[in-house]
Amino acid sequence: MNMPAKKQPDSGFWKKELNSFGYAFRGIWQALRRERHMQIHAFCAFAVLACSWYIGLTVYEWCMVIFAIGLVMAAEIFNSAIEQLTNMASPNFDPLAGRVKDMSAGAVLVAAISAAIVGCLIFLPKIWALFTA
């Protein structure tokens, strides 16, 4: 019994996939350019990465720091998108729309607090060791 050959995706498939990455990078760039809190998070991330390099983190510590930074940045992008969609759907004041925006901002706060705790657990012992050595 002859089995039909697997159909190969056409070249349009790969072009669409590559375009998707372009749209995603454009979204990140738009968030960095237009959202003040995203700019603050990016500045803090850069400072943390510079300190991480200076102090000399272990691979495990680098993973934790990068994961925490990514979590906060992703949460901020989601928050910005939800706020914009909410503003579009409800241009006038609506208490329900306000709750949606508050919950979205709360998610960023949870991510930021979690990242700060990770940072304290990793950096405080190392900073303490620098001053007590």
N, C-alpha and C. Protein backbone atom coordinates (compact mmCIF):
# COMPACT_ATOMS: atom_id res chain seq x y z
N MET A 1 0.84 -1.17 0.00
CA MET A 1 0.00 0.00 0.00
C MET A 1 0.89 1.24 0.00
N ASN A 2 0.68 2.10 -0.92
CA ASN A 2 1.47 3.32 -1.04
C ASN A 2 0.92 4.40 -0.12
N MET A 3 1.81 4.97 0.69
CA MET A 3 1.43 6.08 1.57
C MET A 3 1.70 7.39 0.84
N PRO A 4 0.78 8.31 0.95
CA PRO A 4 1.03 9.59 0.29
C PRO A 4 2.20 10.30 0.97
N ALA A 5 2.97 11.02 0.18
CA ALA A 5 4.11 11.78 0.71
C ALA A 5 3.60 12.91 1.59
N LYS A 6 4.37 13.21 2.63
CA LYS A 6 4.00 14.33 3.49
C LYS A 6 4.06 15.61 2.69
N LYS A 7 3.06 16.43 2.90
CA LYS A 7 3.03 17.71 2.21
C LYS A 7 3.99 18.67 2.90
N GLN A 8 4.89 19.24 2.16
CA GLN A 8 5.82 20.23 2.69
C GLN A 8 5.13 21.59 2.74
N PRO A 9 5.39 22.34 3.82
CA PRO A 9 4.79 23.67 3.86
C PRO A 9 5.34 24.52 2.72
N ASP A 10 4.47 25.33 2.16
CA ASP A 10 4.92 26.17 1.04
C ASP A 10 5.76 27.32 1.57
N SER A 11 6.43 28.01 0.67
CA SER A 11 7.31 29.10 1.07
C SER A 11 6.54 30.23 1.73
N GLY A 12 5.25 30.36 1.45
CA GLY A 12 4.43 31.38 2.09
C GLY A 12 4.30 31.14 3.58
N PHE A 13 4.33 29.87 3.98
CA PHE A 13 4.26 29.52 5.39
C PHE A 13 5.43 30.14 6.15
N TRP A 14 6.65 29.96 5.64
CA TRP A 14 7.84 30.47 6.33
C TRP A 14 7.86 31.99 6.33
N LYS A 15 7.38 32.58 5.26
CA LYS A 15 7.33 34.05 5.20
C LYS A 15 6.39 34.57 6.28
N LYS A 16 5.24 33.92 6.47
CA LYS A 16 4.30 34.33 7.52
C LYS A 16 4.92 34.18 8.90
N GLU A 17 5.65 33.06 9.09
CA GLU A 17 6.30 32.84 10.38
C GLU A 17 7.34 33.92 10.67
N LEU A 18 8.16 34.25 9.68
CA LEU A 18 9.16 35.30 9.86
C LEU A 18 8.49 36.65 10.11
N ASN A 19 7.40 36.93 9.41
CA ASN A 19 6.67 38.17 9.62
C ASN A 19 6.15 38.26 11.06
N SER A 20 5.72 37.12 11.61
CA SER A 20 5.23 37.10 12.99
C SER A 20 6.30 37.57 13.96
N PHE A 21 7.54 37.14 13.75
CA PHE A 21 8.62 37.61 14.60
C PHE A 21 8.81 39.12 14.44
N GLY A 22 8.71 39.59 13.22
CA GLY A 22 8.84 41.03 12.98
C GLY A 22 7.77 41.82 13.71
N TYR A 23 6.53 41.33 13.69
CA TYR A 23 5.44 42.01 14.41
C TYR A 23 5.69 42.00 15.92
N ALA A 24 6.20 40.88 16.42
CA ALA A 24 6.48 40.78 17.85
C ALA A 24 7.58 41.76 18.26
N PHE A 25 8.66 41.82 17.49
CA PHE A 25 9.73 42.77 17.80
C PHE A 25 9.23 44.21 17.69
N ARG A 26 8.36 44.46 16.74
CA ARG A 26 7.77 45.80 16.61
C ARG A 26 6.95 46.14 17.85
N GLY A 27 6.22 45.17 18.37
CA GLY A 27 5.44 45.40 19.59
C GLY A 27 6.33 45.71 20.78
N ILE A 28 7.44 45.00 20.90
CA ILE A 28 8.38 45.28 21.99
C ILE A 28 8.94 46.68 21.84
N TRP A 29 9.33 47.03 20.62
CA TRP A 29 9.90 48.35 20.36
C TRP A 29 8.88 49.45 20.66
N GLN A 30 7.63 49.24 20.27
CA GLN A 30 6.59 50.24 20.55
C GLN A 30 6.40 50.41 22.05
N ALA A 31 6.42 49.31 22.79
CA ALA A 31 6.28 49.40 24.25
C ALA A 31 7.46 50.17 24.84
N LEU A 32 8.66 49.90 24.36
CA LEU A 32 9.84 50.61 24.87
C LEU A 32 9.80 52.10 24.53
N ARG A 33 9.31 52.44 23.38
CA ARG A 33 9.27 53.84 22.95
C ARG A 33 8.15 54.64 23.60
N ARG A 34 7.01 54.00 23.84
CA ARG A 34 5.81 54.75 24.21
C ARG A 34 5.36 54.60 25.66
N GLU A 35 5.80 53.56 26.32
CA GLU A 35 5.31 53.29 27.67
C GLU A 35 6.37 53.65 28.71
N ARG A 36 6.06 54.65 29.52
CA ARG A 36 7.02 55.15 30.51
C ARG A 36 7.45 54.06 31.49
N HIS A 37 6.51 53.26 31.96
CA HIS A 37 6.87 52.21 32.90
C HIS A 37 7.75 51.15 32.25
N MET A 38 7.54 50.87 31.00
CA MET A 38 8.39 49.91 30.29
C MET A 38 9.82 50.47 30.21
N GLN A 39 9.94 51.76 30.00
CA GLN A 39 11.26 52.39 29.96
C GLN A 39 11.95 52.28 31.32
N ILE A 40 11.18 52.47 32.38
CA ILE A 40 11.74 52.33 33.73
C ILE A 40 12.20 50.89 33.96
N HIS A 41 11.36 49.93 33.58
CA HIS A 41 11.74 48.51 33.73
C HIS A 41 12.98 48.18 32.91
N ALA A 42 13.07 48.72 31.70
CA ALA A 42 14.23 48.45 30.85
C ALA A 42 15.50 49.04 31.46
N PHE A 43 15.41 50.25 32.01
CA PHE A 43 16.55 50.87 32.67
C PHE A 43 17.01 50.03 33.86
N CYS A 44 16.04 49.61 34.68
CA CYS A 44 16.36 48.77 35.85
C CYS A 44 16.97 47.44 35.41
N ALA A 45 16.43 46.85 34.35
CA ALA A 45 16.96 45.58 33.85
C ALA A 45 18.41 45.74 33.41
N PHE A 46 18.69 46.83 32.72
CA PHE A 46 20.07 47.09 32.28
C PHE A 46 20.99 47.23 33.48
N ALA A 47 20.55 47.97 34.51
CA ALA A 47 21.36 48.15 35.72
C ALA A 47 21.59 46.81 36.42
N VAL A 48 20.56 46.00 36.52
CA VAL A 48 20.69 44.68 37.17
C VAL A 48 21.64 43.79 36.38
N LEU A 49 21.52 43.80 35.06
CA LEU A 49 22.42 42.98 34.24
C LEU A 49 23.87 43.44 34.38
N ALA A 50 24.09 44.75 34.44
CA ALA A 50 25.44 45.27 34.63
C ALA A 50 26.00 44.85 35.99
N CYS A 51 25.20 44.95 37.02
CA CYS A 51 25.63 44.52 38.36
C CYS A 51 25.88 43.01 38.39
N SER A 52 25.04 42.26 37.70
CA SER A 52 25.20 40.81 37.65
C SER A 52 26.54 40.44 37.02
N TRP A 53 26.88 41.14 35.96
CA TRP A 53 28.15 40.89 35.29
C TRP A 53 29.31 41.27 36.20
N TYR A 54 29.20 42.41 36.87
CA TYR A 54 30.28 42.89 37.73
C TYR A 54 30.51 41.94 38.92
N ILE A 55 29.43 41.50 39.52
CA ILE A 55 29.53 40.63 40.70
C ILE A 55 29.96 39.22 40.32
N GLY A 56 29.57 38.78 39.12
CA GLY A 56 29.95 37.44 38.67
C GLY A 56 29.01 36.38 39.19
N LEU A 57 27.80 36.38 38.69
CA LEU A 57 26.79 35.41 39.13
C LEU A 57 27.10 34.02 38.59
N THR A 58 26.56 33.03 39.27
CA THR A 58 26.65 31.65 38.77
C THR A 58 25.64 31.50 37.62
N VAL A 59 25.74 30.42 36.90
CA VAL A 59 24.79 30.17 35.80
C VAL A 59 23.36 30.11 36.34
N TYR A 60 23.19 29.44 37.46
CA TYR A 60 21.85 29.35 38.07
C TYR A 60 21.32 30.74 38.43
N GLU A 61 22.17 31.56 39.03
CA GLU A 61 21.75 32.91 39.40
C GLU A 61 21.42 33.75 38.17
N TRP A 62 22.22 33.61 37.11
CA TRP A 62 21.91 34.30 35.86
C TRP A 62 20.53 33.89 35.34
N CYS A 63 20.25 32.60 35.40
CA CYS A 63 18.94 32.12 34.92
C CYS A 63 17.81 32.75 35.71
N MET A 64 17.97 32.81 37.02
CA MET A 64 16.93 33.39 37.87
C MET A 64 16.74 34.89 37.57
N VAL A 65 17.85 35.60 37.42
CA VAL A 65 17.78 37.04 37.15
C VAL A 65 17.14 37.30 35.78
N ILE A 66 17.56 36.56 34.78
CA ILE A 66 17.00 36.75 33.43
C ILE A 66 15.52 36.38 33.40
N PHE A 67 15.16 35.31 34.10
CA PHE A 67 13.75 34.92 34.16
C PHE A 67 12.93 36.01 34.84
N ALA A 68 13.42 36.55 35.94
CA ALA A 68 12.70 37.60 36.66
C ALA A 68 12.54 38.85 35.79
N ILE A 69 13.59 39.24 35.09
CA ILE A 69 13.51 40.40 34.20
C ILE A 69 12.49 40.14 33.10
N GLY A 70 12.55 38.97 32.49
CA GLY A 70 11.61 38.63 31.43
C GLY A 70 10.17 38.63 31.91
N LEU A 71 9.95 38.12 33.12
CA LEU A 71 8.61 38.08 33.69
C LEU A 71 8.05 39.50 33.85
N VAL A 72 8.85 40.40 34.39
CA VAL A 72 8.40 41.77 34.60
C VAL A 72 8.15 42.48 33.26
N MET A 73 9.06 42.30 32.32
CA MET A 73 8.89 42.96 31.01
C MET A 73 7.66 42.43 30.28
N ALA A 74 7.45 41.11 30.32
CA ALA A 74 6.27 40.53 29.68
C ALA A 74 5.00 41.02 30.35
N ALA A 75 5.00 41.07 31.68
CA ALA A 75 3.82 41.56 32.41
C ALA A 75 3.52 43.01 32.04
N GLU A 76 4.55 43.82 31.90
CA GLU A 76 4.35 45.23 31.53
C GLU A 76 3.79 45.36 30.12
N ILE A 77 4.25 44.53 29.20
CA ILE A 77 3.72 44.57 27.83
C ILE A 77 2.26 44.13 27.82
N PHE A 78 1.94 43.05 28.56
CA PHE A 78 0.54 42.63 28.67
C PHE A 78 -0.31 43.74 29.28
N ASN A 79 0.19 44.37 30.33
CA ASN A 79 -0.54 45.45 30.99
C ASN A 79 -0.83 46.59 30.01
N SER A 80 0.18 46.98 29.25
CA SER A 80 0.00 48.07 28.28
C SER A 80 -1.03 47.70 27.22
N ALA A 81 -0.95 46.46 26.74
CA ALA A 81 -1.91 46.02 25.72
C ALA A 81 -3.33 46.00 26.29
N ILE A 82 -3.49 45.49 27.51
CA ILE A 82 -4.82 45.43 28.13
C ILE A 82 -5.36 46.84 28.36
N GLU A 83 -4.50 47.75 28.81
CA GLU A 83 -4.95 49.13 29.02
C GLU A 83 -5.41 49.77 27.71
N GLN A 84 -4.65 49.56 26.63
CA GLN A 84 -5.04 50.14 25.35
C GLN A 84 -6.34 49.54 24.83
N LEU A 85 -6.49 48.24 24.95
CA LEU A 85 -7.74 47.60 24.53
C LEU A 85 -8.92 48.09 25.36
N THR A 86 -8.70 48.24 26.66
CA THR A 86 -9.76 48.73 27.54
C THR A 86 -10.14 50.16 27.16
N ASN A 87 -9.17 51.00 26.89
CA ASN A 87 -9.46 52.37 26.47
C ASN A 87 -10.23 52.41 25.16
N MET A 88 -9.89 51.48 24.25
CA MET A 88 -10.60 51.41 22.98
C MET A 88 -12.04 50.96 23.17
N ALA A 89 -12.22 49.94 24.00
CA ALA A 89 -13.55 49.37 24.19
C ALA A 89 -14.43 50.25 25.06
N SER A 90 -13.83 51.01 25.95
CA SER A 90 -14.60 51.83 26.88
C SER A 90 -13.95 53.21 27.01
N PRO A 91 -14.13 54.08 25.99
CA PRO A 91 -13.46 55.38 26.02
C PRO A 91 -13.94 56.28 27.17
N ASN A 92 -15.18 56.10 27.61
CA ASN A 92 -15.70 56.87 28.74
C ASN A 92 -15.46 56.09 30.02
N PHE A 93 -15.50 56.80 31.15
CA PHE A 93 -15.25 56.15 32.43
C PHE A 93 -16.27 55.04 32.66
N ASP A 94 -15.75 53.89 33.05
CA ASP A 94 -16.60 52.75 33.39
C ASP A 94 -15.92 52.03 34.56
N PRO A 95 -16.63 51.82 35.67
CA PRO A 95 -15.99 51.17 36.82
C PRO A 95 -15.44 49.78 36.50
N LEU A 96 -16.12 49.04 35.64
CA LEU A 96 -15.63 47.71 35.27
C LEU A 96 -14.32 47.83 34.48
N ALA A 97 -14.25 48.78 33.57
CA ALA A 97 -13.01 49.01 32.81
C ALA A 97 -11.89 49.40 33.76
N GLY A 98 -12.22 50.20 34.75
CA GLY A 98 -11.21 50.59 35.75
C GLY A 98 -10.69 49.40 36.53
N ARG A 99 -11.59 48.47 36.88
CA ARG A 99 -11.17 47.27 37.60
C ARG A 99 -10.23 46.41 36.74
N VAL A 100 -10.58 46.31 35.45
CA VAL A 100 -9.72 45.53 34.53
C VAL A 100 -8.32 46.13 34.50
N LYS A 101 -8.24 47.45 34.37
CA LYS A 101 -6.94 48.11 34.31
C LYS A 101 -6.19 47.98 35.63
N ASP A 102 -6.91 48.07 36.75
CA ASP A 102 -6.27 47.92 38.06
C ASP A 102 -5.71 46.51 38.24
N MET A 103 -6.46 45.49 37.81
CA MET A 103 -5.98 44.12 37.94
C MET A 103 -4.76 43.88 37.05
N SER A 104 -4.78 44.47 35.86
CA SER A 104 -3.65 44.34 34.96
C SER A 104 -2.40 44.99 35.56
N ALA A 105 -2.57 46.16 36.13
CA ALA A 105 -1.44 46.82 36.79
C ALA A 105 -1.00 46.02 38.02
N GLY A 106 -1.95 45.40 38.71
CA GLY A 106 -1.60 44.56 39.86
C GLY A 106 -0.74 43.38 39.47
N ALA A 107 -0.99 42.83 38.29
CA ALA A 107 -0.17 41.71 37.81
C ALA A 107 1.28 42.15 37.62
N VAL A 108 1.48 43.35 37.12
CA VAL A 108 2.84 43.87 36.96
C VAL A 108 3.48 44.05 38.34
N LEU A 109 2.71 44.55 39.29
CA LEU A 109 3.24 44.75 40.64
C LEU A 109 3.66 43.41 41.26
N VAL A 110 2.85 42.38 41.09
CA VAL A 110 3.20 41.05 41.62
C VAL A 110 4.51 40.57 40.98
N ALA A 111 4.63 40.73 39.66
CA ALA A 111 5.85 40.31 38.97
C ALA A 111 7.06 41.12 39.46
N ALA A 112 6.88 42.42 39.64
CA ALA A 112 7.99 43.27 40.07
C ALA A 112 8.41 42.94 41.51
N ILE A 113 7.46 42.70 42.38
CA ILE A 113 7.79 42.32 43.75
C ILE A 113 8.52 40.98 43.77
N SER A 114 8.05 40.04 42.97
CA SER A 114 8.72 38.74 42.89
C SER A 114 10.15 38.90 42.39
N ALA A 115 10.34 39.74 41.38
CA ALA A 115 11.68 39.98 40.85
C ALA A 115 12.56 40.65 41.89
N ALA A 116 12.00 41.57 42.65
CA ALA A 116 12.78 42.24 43.70
C ALA A 116 13.21 41.25 44.77
N ILE A 117 12.34 40.32 45.12
CA ILE A 117 12.69 39.30 46.12
C ILE A 117 13.81 38.41 45.58
N VAL A 118 13.70 38.00 44.32
CA VAL A 118 14.77 37.21 43.70
C VAL A 118 16.07 38.00 43.74
N GLY A 119 16.00 39.27 43.38
CA GLY A 119 17.19 40.12 43.40
C GLY A 119 17.80 40.22 44.78
N CYS A 120 16.97 40.40 45.80
CA CYS A 120 17.48 40.48 47.17
C CYS A 120 18.14 39.17 47.59
N LEU A 121 17.52 38.05 47.27
CA LEU A 121 18.09 36.76 47.64
C LEU A 121 19.43 36.50 46.97
N ILE A 122 19.58 36.99 45.75
CA ILE A 122 20.83 36.76 45.02
C ILE A 122 21.88 37.81 45.37
N PHE A 123 21.50 39.08 45.40
CA PHE A 123 22.49 40.15 45.51
C PHE A 123 22.87 40.53 46.93
N LEU A 124 21.93 40.51 47.86
CA LEU A 124 22.27 40.97 49.21
C LEU A 124 23.40 40.17 49.86
N PRO A 125 23.41 38.84 49.78
CA PRO A 125 24.56 38.12 50.36
C PRO A 125 25.88 38.48 49.68
N LYS A 126 25.87 38.70 48.38
CA LYS A 126 27.08 39.04 47.66
C LYS A 126 27.55 40.45 48.02
N ILE A 127 26.61 41.38 48.15
CA ILE A 127 26.97 42.75 48.53
C ILE A 127 27.48 42.76 49.98
N TRP A 128 26.82 42.00 50.85
CA TRP A 128 27.25 41.90 52.23
C TRP A 128 28.67 41.37 52.31
N ALA A 129 28.97 40.36 51.50
CA ALA A 129 30.31 39.77 51.49
C ALA A 129 31.36 40.77 51.02
N LEU A 130 31.00 41.66 50.10
CA LEU A 130 31.94 42.69 49.63
C LEU A 130 32.33 43.64 50.76
N PHE A 131 31.37 43.98 51.62
CA PHE A 131 31.64 44.96 52.67
C PHE A 131 32.22 44.33 53.93
N THR A 132 32.08 43.04 54.10
CA THR A 132 32.57 42.41 55.31
C THR A 132 33.87 41.63 55.08
N ALA A 133 34.33 41.59 53.86
CA ALA A 133 35.56 40.84 53.55
C ALA A 133 36.81 41.58 53.93
